[in-house]
Amino acid sequence: MNYDIVNMIEEESNMKPYKNKINRIRSFALSLIFIGFVIMYIGIFFRENQIVMTIFMFIGLLAIIASTGVYAWIGMLSTKAVQVVCPNCGKHTKVLGRVDMCMYCREPLTLDPSLEGQEFDVTLNRKKS
């Protein structure tokens, strides 16, 4: 499986507290919907100029369509993710990649026995080249 986009999102979020990859991508898709609505709303202020208003409406529509694509992509990726039981909270969660966090309690999880006991780091998901 190719996790290049997931790794790109991880690099952008090194400053923020780490969250589960699936939830982070879903949050990005939700923000695309709101951004699309805001862009369309800005287009309403240009009612006098039909072309500018149409451009804003079209760009907003593209953001909403992109959100639909991201939701479809993460849904497909989510079905392929491994389901595990979190040892901390006991709830079922999905692990995407070599290391991930529990969706509920943010417990670091790994499926790789060689990584057990190591301090959590998102760079552990990268393949060594």
C-alpha atoms as a PDB file:
ATOM      1  CA  MET A   1       0.000   0.000   0.000  1.00  0.00           C
ATOM      2  CA  ASN A   2       1.163   3.506  -0.751  1.00  0.00           C
ATOM      3  CA  TYR A   3       0.942   5.882   2.205  1.00  0.00           C
ATOM      4  CA  ASP A   4       2.716   8.860   0.576  1.00  0.00           C
ATOM      5  CA  ILE A   5      -0.217  11.214   1.161  1.00  0.00           C
ATOM      6  CA  VAL A   6      -0.559  10.057   4.759  1.00  0.00           C
ATOM      7  CA  ASN A   7       3.169  10.648   5.308  1.00  0.00           C
ATOM      8  CA  MET A   8       2.855  14.116   3.740  1.00  0.00           C
ATOM      9  CA  ILE A   9       0.094  14.980   6.209  1.00  0.00           C
ATOM     10  CA  GLU A  10       2.273  13.671   9.055  1.00  0.00           C
ATOM     11  CA  GLU A  11       5.124  15.971   8.049  1.00  0.00           C
ATOM     12  CA  GLU A  12       2.808  18.984   8.111  1.00  0.00           C
ATOM     13  CA  SER A  13       1.549  18.151  11.585  1.00  0.00           C
ATOM     14  CA  ASN A  14       4.859  17.645  13.381  1.00  0.00           C
ATOM     15  CA  MET A  15       4.161  20.767  15.462  1.00  0.00           C
ATOM     16  CA  LYS A  16       0.693  19.635  16.571  1.00  0.00           C
ATOM     17  CA  PRO A  17      -0.143  16.866  19.012  1.00  0.00           C
ATOM     18  CA  TYR A  18      -0.428  13.608  17.108  1.00  0.00           C
ATOM     19  CA  LYS A  19      -3.875  12.202  16.374  1.00  0.00           C
ATOM     20  CA  ASN A  20      -5.077   9.059  14.637  1.00  0.00           C
ATOM     21  CA  LYS A  21      -4.379   9.214  10.886  1.00  0.00           C
ATOM     22  CA  ILE A  22      -7.884   8.268   9.807  1.00  0.00           C
ATOM     23  CA  ASN A  23      -9.506  10.910  12.028  1.00  0.00           C
ATOM     24  CA  ARG A  24      -7.026  13.542  10.856  1.00  0.00           C
ATOM     25  CA  ILE A  25      -7.818  12.899   7.188  1.00  0.00           C
ATOM     26  CA  ARG A  26     -11.556  12.939   7.918  1.00  0.00           C
ATOM     27  CA  SER A  27     -11.120  16.303   9.663  1.00  0.00           C
ATOM     28  CA  PHE A  28      -9.305  17.607   6.584  1.00  0.00           C
ATOM     29  CA  ALA A  29     -12.216  16.490   4.373  1.00  0.00           C
ATOM     30  CA  LEU A  30     -14.720  18.182   6.687  1.00  0.00           C
ATOM     31  CA  SER A  31     -12.695  21.397   6.581  1.00  0.00           C
ATOM     32  CA  LEU A  32     -12.771  21.257   2.765  1.00  0.00           C
ATOM     33  CA  ILE A  33     -16.573  21.310   2.901  1.00  0.00           C
ATOM     34  CA  PHE A  34     -16.618  24.390   5.128  1.00  0.00           C
ATOM     35  CA  ILE A  35     -13.950  26.109   3.027  1.00  0.00           C
ATOM     36  CA  GLY A  36     -16.066  25.429  -0.064  1.00  0.00           C
ATOM     37  CA  PHE A  37     -19.126  26.972   1.578  1.00  0.00           C
ATOM     38  CA  VAL A  38     -17.148  30.036   2.681  1.00  0.00           C
ATOM     39  CA  ILE A  39     -15.777  30.525  -0.846  1.00  0.00           C
ATOM     40  CA  MET A  40     -19.304  30.259  -2.255  1.00  0.00           C
ATOM     41  CA  TYR A  41     -20.587  32.712   0.340  1.00  0.00           C
ATOM     42  CA  ILE A  42     -17.871  35.190  -0.655  1.00  0.00           C
ATOM     43  CA  GLY A  43     -19.134  34.832  -4.227  1.00  0.00           C
ATOM     44  CA  ILE A  44     -22.516  36.203  -3.155  1.00  0.00           C
ATOM     45  CA  PHE A  45     -20.873  39.580  -2.461  1.00  0.00           C
ATOM     46  CA  PHE A  46     -20.069  39.838  -6.182  1.00  0.00           C
ATOM     47  CA  ARG A  47     -23.666  39.576  -7.438  1.00  0.00           C
ATOM     48  CA  GLU A  48     -23.205  42.597  -9.667  1.00  0.00           C
ATOM     49  CA  ASN A  49     -20.379  40.894 -11.582  1.00  0.00           C
ATOM     50  CA  GLN A  50     -21.797  37.575 -12.761  1.00  0.00           C
ATOM     51  CA  ILE A  51     -18.461  36.193 -13.970  1.00  0.00           C
ATOM     52  CA  VAL A  52     -16.655  36.763 -10.652  1.00  0.00           C
ATOM     53  CA  MET A  53     -19.594  35.314  -8.737  1.00  0.00           C
ATOM     54  CA  THR A  54     -19.644  32.256 -11.006  1.00  0.00           C
ATOM     55  CA  ILE A  55     -15.897  31.743 -10.525  1.00  0.00           C
ATOM     56  CA  PHE A  56     -16.249  31.822  -6.727  1.00  0.00           C
ATOM     57  CA  MET A  57     -19.216  29.430  -6.867  1.00  0.00           C
ATOM     58  CA  PHE A  58     -17.271  27.059  -9.115  1.00  0.00           C
ATOM     59  CA  ILE A  59     -14.162  27.115  -6.885  1.00  0.00           C
ATOM     60  CA  GLY A  60     -16.359  26.415  -3.837  1.00  0.00           C
ATOM     61  CA  LEU A  61     -18.019  23.554  -5.674  1.00  0.00           C
ATOM     62  CA  LEU A  62     -14.582  22.131  -6.540  1.00  0.00           C
ATOM     63  CA  ALA A  63     -13.625  22.205  -2.835  1.00  0.00           C
ATOM     64  CA  ILE A  64     -16.790  20.288  -1.941  1.00  0.00           C
ATOM     65  CA  ILE A  65     -16.171  17.754  -4.726  1.00  0.00           C
ATOM     66  CA  ALA A  66     -12.579  17.353  -3.509  1.00  0.00           C
ATOM     67  CA  SER A  67     -13.955  16.697  -0.021  1.00  0.00           C
ATOM     68  CA  THR A  68     -16.158  13.949  -1.437  1.00  0.00           C
ATOM     69  CA  GLY A  69     -13.100  12.412  -3.083  1.00  0.00           C
ATOM     70  CA  VAL A  70     -11.104  12.552   0.152  1.00  0.00           C
ATOM     71  CA  TYR A  71     -13.983  10.959   2.083  1.00  0.00           C
ATOM     72  CA  ALA A  72     -14.224   8.171  -0.520  1.00  0.00           C
ATOM     73  CA  TRP A  73     -10.448   7.634  -0.431  1.00  0.00           C
ATOM     74  CA  ILE A  74     -10.213   7.460   3.360  1.00  0.00           C
ATOM     75  CA  GLY A  75     -13.250   5.187   3.437  1.00  0.00           C
ATOM     76  CA  MET A  76     -11.492   2.751   1.101  1.00  0.00           C
ATOM     77  CA  LEU A  77      -8.297   3.056   3.116  1.00  0.00           C
ATOM     78  CA  SER A  78     -10.197   2.559   6.358  1.00  0.00           C
ATOM     79  CA  THR A  79     -11.633  -0.752   5.158  1.00  0.00           C
ATOM     80  CA  LYS A  80      -8.095  -2.023   4.575  1.00  0.00           C
ATOM     81  CA  ALA A  81      -6.781  -0.847   7.962  1.00  0.00           C
ATOM     82  CA  VAL A  82      -6.129  -3.472  10.613  1.00  0.00           C
ATOM     83  CA  GLN A  83      -8.576  -3.462  13.521  1.00  0.00           C
ATOM     84  CA  VAL A  84      -7.038  -4.000  16.950  1.00  0.00           C
ATOM     85  CA  VAL A  85      -8.212  -3.743  20.540  1.00  0.00           C
ATOM     86  CA  CYS A  86      -6.473  -0.926  22.389  1.00  0.00           C
ATOM     87  CA  PRO A  87      -4.690  -2.283  25.459  1.00  0.00           C
ATOM     88  CA  ASN A  88      -5.335   0.958  27.349  1.00  0.00           C
ATOM     89  CA  CYS A  89      -9.065   1.623  26.815  1.00  0.00           C
ATOM     90  CA  GLY A  90     -10.205  -1.768  25.464  1.00  0.00           C
ATOM     91  CA  LYS A  91     -12.037  -0.289  22.453  1.00  0.00           C
ATOM     92  CA  HIS A  92     -11.638  -1.422  18.853  1.00  0.00           C
ATOM     93  CA  THR A  93      -9.513   0.959  16.792  1.00  0.00           C
ATOM     94  CA  LYS A  94      -7.849   0.894  13.380  1.00  0.00           C
ATOM     95  CA  VAL A  95      -4.105   1.000  12.817  1.00  0.00           C
ATOM     96  CA  LEU A  96      -2.913   2.545   9.574  1.00  0.00           C
ATOM     97  CA  GLY A  97       0.775   2.000   8.850  1.00  0.00           C
ATOM     98  CA  ARG A  98       3.410   0.628  11.239  1.00  0.00           C
ATOM     99  CA  VAL A  99       2.537   2.945  14.137  1.00  0.00           C
ATOM    100  CA  ASP A 100      -0.643   4.854  14.910  1.00  0.00           C
ATOM    101  CA  MET A 101      -2.642   6.200  17.837  1.00  0.00           C
ATOM    102  CA  CYS A 102      -5.828   4.850  19.364  1.00  0.00           C
ATOM    103  CA  MET A 103      -8.821   6.829  18.065  1.00  0.00           C
ATOM    104  CA  TYR A 104     -10.216   7.180  21.568  1.00  0.00           C
ATOM    105  CA  CYS A 105      -7.436   7.470  24.141  1.00  0.00           C
ATOM    106  CA  ARG A 106      -4.435   8.323  21.901  1.00  0.00           C
ATOM    107  CA  GLU A 107      -2.415   5.356  23.113  1.00  0.00           C
ATOM    108  CA  PRO A 108       0.494   4.656  20.729  1.00  0.00           C
ATOM    109  CA  LEU A 109      -0.097   1.366  18.900  1.00  0.00           C
ATOM    110  CA  THR A 110       2.108  -0.729  16.637  1.00  0.00           C
ATOM    111  CA  LEU A 111       1.824  -4.016  14.800  1.00  0.00           C
ATOM    112  CA  ASP A 112       5.592  -4.357  14.407  1.00  0.00           C
ATOM    113  CA  PRO A 113       7.112  -6.346  17.318  1.00  0.00           C
ATOM    114  CA  SER A 114      10.494  -4.670  16.760  1.00  0.00           C
ATOM    115  CA  LEU A 115       8.959  -1.261  17.594  1.00  0.00           C
ATOM    116  CA  GLU A 116       7.353  -2.274  20.899  1.00  0.00           C
ATOM    117  CA  GLY A 117       8.663  -0.274  23.818  1.00  0.00           C
ATOM    118  CA  GLN A 118      10.147   2.490  21.644  1.00  0.00           C
ATOM    119  CA  GLU A 119       9.060   6.080  22.099  1.00  0.00           C
ATOM    120  CA  PHE A 120       6.289   6.990  19.661  1.00  0.00           C
ATOM    121  CA  ASP A 121       7.487   8.847  16.580  1.00  0.00           C
ATOM    122  CA  VAL A 122       5.670   9.331  13.268  1.00  0.00           C
ATOM    123  CA  THR A 123       8.931   8.781  11.371  1.00  0.00           C
ATOM    124  CA  LEU A 124       8.663   5.087  12.269  1.00  0.00           C
ATOM    125  CA  ASN A 125       6.061   4.783   9.485  1.00  0.00           C
ATOM    126  CA  ARG A 126       8.602   5.662   6.819  1.00  0.00           C
ATOM    127  CA  LYS A 127      10.313   2.866   4.992  1.00  0.00           C
ATOM    128  CA  LYS A 128      14.067   2.821   5.356  1.00  0.00           C
ATOM    129  CA  SER A 129      15.679   3.315   1.971  1.00  0.00           C
END
